[in-house]
Amino acid sequence: MRTKTRVKLQFRDEKGSTRIISIDRPKEGLSNEEVKKAMDEIIAAKALGTKNGNLVAKVKAVKETFESHDFDVR
């Protein structure tokens, strides 16, 4: 069995469309405050944009954990 973790950060751009940034293998024990701060910094830096303009607002953040199991098919 393998476990994979991902954090998805969802933002709204200048025209109201939503965009998701997906981060694989985030550090363990991320707090709400750390995630909020990171999202605020992404917005403030204006480093990421879309065809509809810069990211301007946080929508939500989700931590996903997936388990995968291999079958012996030989």
C-alpha atoms as a PDB file:
ATOM      1  CA  MET A   1       0.000   0.000   0.000  1.00  0.00           C
ATOM      2  CA  ARG A   2       1.174   3.505  -0.841  1.00  0.00           C
ATOM      3  CA  THR A   3      -0.298   6.731   0.513  1.00  0.00           C
ATOM      4  CA  LYS A   4      -0.076  10.026  -1.348  1.00  0.00           C
ATOM      5  CA  THR A   5      -1.044  13.446  -0.025  1.00  0.00           C
ATOM      6  CA  ARG A   6      -1.891  16.556  -2.002  1.00  0.00           C
ATOM      7  CA  VAL A   7      -3.078  20.051  -1.084  1.00  0.00           C
ATOM      8  CA  LYS A   8      -5.329  21.897  -3.523  1.00  0.00           C
ATOM      9  CA  LEU A   9      -5.542  25.678  -3.251  1.00  0.00           C
ATOM     10  CA  GLN A  10      -8.482  27.248  -5.047  1.00  0.00           C
ATOM     11  CA  PHE A  11      -8.454  30.921  -6.035  1.00  0.00           C
ATOM     12  CA  ARG A  12     -10.698  33.340  -7.902  1.00  0.00           C
ATOM     13  CA  ASP A  13      -9.261  35.485 -10.701  1.00  0.00           C
ATOM     14  CA  GLU A  14     -10.180  39.047 -11.721  1.00  0.00           C
ATOM     15  CA  LYS A  15     -13.138  37.912 -13.841  1.00  0.00           C
ATOM     16  CA  GLY A  16     -14.544  35.544 -11.232  1.00  0.00           C
ATOM     17  CA  SER A  17     -13.308  32.229 -12.610  1.00  0.00           C
ATOM     18  CA  THR A  18     -11.774  29.761 -10.198  1.00  0.00           C
ATOM     19  CA  ARG A  19      -8.332  28.234 -10.540  1.00  0.00           C
ATOM     20  CA  ILE A  20      -6.691  25.434  -8.575  1.00  0.00           C
ATOM     21  CA  ILE A  21      -3.039  25.046  -7.659  1.00  0.00           C
ATOM     22  CA  SER A  22      -2.195  21.474  -6.668  1.00  0.00           C
ATOM     23  CA  ILE A  23       0.790  20.739  -4.429  1.00  0.00           C
ATOM     24  CA  ASP A  24       2.018  17.163  -4.126  1.00  0.00           C
ATOM     25  CA  ARG A  25       3.762  15.924  -0.966  1.00  0.00           C
ATOM     26  CA  PRO A  26       3.094  18.953   1.284  1.00  0.00           C
ATOM     27  CA  LYS A  27       4.919  19.119   4.598  1.00  0.00           C
ATOM     28  CA  GLU A  28       3.316  17.267   7.482  1.00  0.00           C
ATOM     29  CA  GLY A  29       1.130  19.116   9.948  1.00  0.00           C
ATOM     30  CA  LEU A  30       0.229  22.183   7.909  1.00  0.00           C
ATOM     31  CA  SER A  31      -1.973  24.512   9.945  1.00  0.00           C
ATOM     32  CA  ASN A  32      -4.888  26.591   8.721  1.00  0.00           C
ATOM     33  CA  GLU A  33      -2.852  29.728   9.381  1.00  0.00           C
ATOM     34  CA  GLU A  34       0.096  28.495   7.291  1.00  0.00           C
ATOM     35  CA  VAL A  35      -2.200  27.687   4.373  1.00  0.00           C
ATOM     36  CA  LYS A  36      -4.011  31.058   4.614  1.00  0.00           C
ATOM     37  CA  LYS A  37      -0.674  32.900   4.763  1.00  0.00           C
ATOM     38  CA  ALA A  38       0.679  31.018   1.738  1.00  0.00           C
ATOM     39  CA  MET A  39      -2.461  31.772  -0.270  1.00  0.00           C
ATOM     40  CA  ASP A  40      -2.330  35.461   0.722  1.00  0.00           C
ATOM     41  CA  GLU A  41       1.319  35.614  -0.379  1.00  0.00           C
ATOM     42  CA  ILE A  42       0.496  34.032  -3.752  1.00  0.00           C
ATOM     43  CA  ILE A  43      -2.221  36.648  -4.308  1.00  0.00           C
ATOM     44  CA  ALA A  44      -0.036  39.557  -3.124  1.00  0.00           C
ATOM     45  CA  ALA A  45       2.910  38.540  -5.320  1.00  0.00           C
ATOM     46  CA  LYS A  46       0.725  38.652  -8.466  1.00  0.00           C
ATOM     47  CA  ALA A  47       3.104  36.037  -9.817  1.00  0.00           C
ATOM     48  CA  LEU A  48       0.355  33.744 -11.099  1.00  0.00           C
ATOM     49  CA  GLY A  49      -2.218  34.826 -13.584  1.00  0.00           C
ATOM     50  CA  THR A  50      -4.738  33.389 -15.970  1.00  0.00           C
ATOM     51  CA  LYS A  51      -6.184  34.532 -19.257  1.00  0.00           C
ATOM     52  CA  ASN A  52      -8.754  36.300 -17.050  1.00  0.00           C
ATOM     53  CA  GLY A  53      -6.182  38.231 -15.023  1.00  0.00           C
ATOM     54  CA  ASN A  54      -4.399  37.800 -11.713  1.00  0.00           C
ATOM     55  CA  LEU A  55      -5.547  35.682  -8.814  1.00  0.00           C
ATOM     56  CA  VAL A  56      -7.386  38.009  -6.435  1.00  0.00           C
ATOM     57  CA  ALA A  57      -9.187  35.955  -3.768  1.00  0.00           C
ATOM     58  CA  LYS A  58      -8.998  32.713  -1.808  1.00  0.00           C
ATOM     59  CA  VAL A  59     -11.893  30.295  -2.323  1.00  0.00           C
ATOM     60  CA  LYS A  60     -10.873  27.172  -0.403  1.00  0.00           C
ATOM     61  CA  ALA A  61      -8.063  24.770   0.395  1.00  0.00           C
ATOM     62  CA  VAL A  62      -8.346  20.993   0.620  1.00  0.00           C
ATOM     63  CA  LYS A  63      -5.944  18.295   1.775  1.00  0.00           C
ATOM     64  CA  GLU A  64      -6.452  15.019  -0.087  1.00  0.00           C
ATOM     65  CA  THR A  65      -4.994  11.667   0.901  1.00  0.00           C
ATOM     66  CA  PHE A  66      -5.016   8.726  -1.497  1.00  0.00           C
ATOM     67  CA  GLU A  67      -4.188   5.116  -0.830  1.00  0.00           C
ATOM     68  CA  SER A  68      -3.193   2.800  -3.636  1.00  0.00           C
ATOM     69  CA  HIS A  69      -2.920  -0.956  -3.507  1.00  0.00           C
ATOM     70  CA  ASP A  70      -1.190  -3.122  -6.089  1.00  0.00           C
ATOM     71  CA  PHE A  71      -2.804  -6.346  -7.219  1.00  0.00           C
ATOM     72  CA  ASP A  72      -0.654  -9.360  -8.010  1.00  0.00           C
ATOM     73  CA  VAL A  73      -1.897 -10.189 -11.499  1.00  0.00           C
ATOM     74  CA  ARG A  74       0.928 -12.488 -12.598  1.00  0.00           C
END
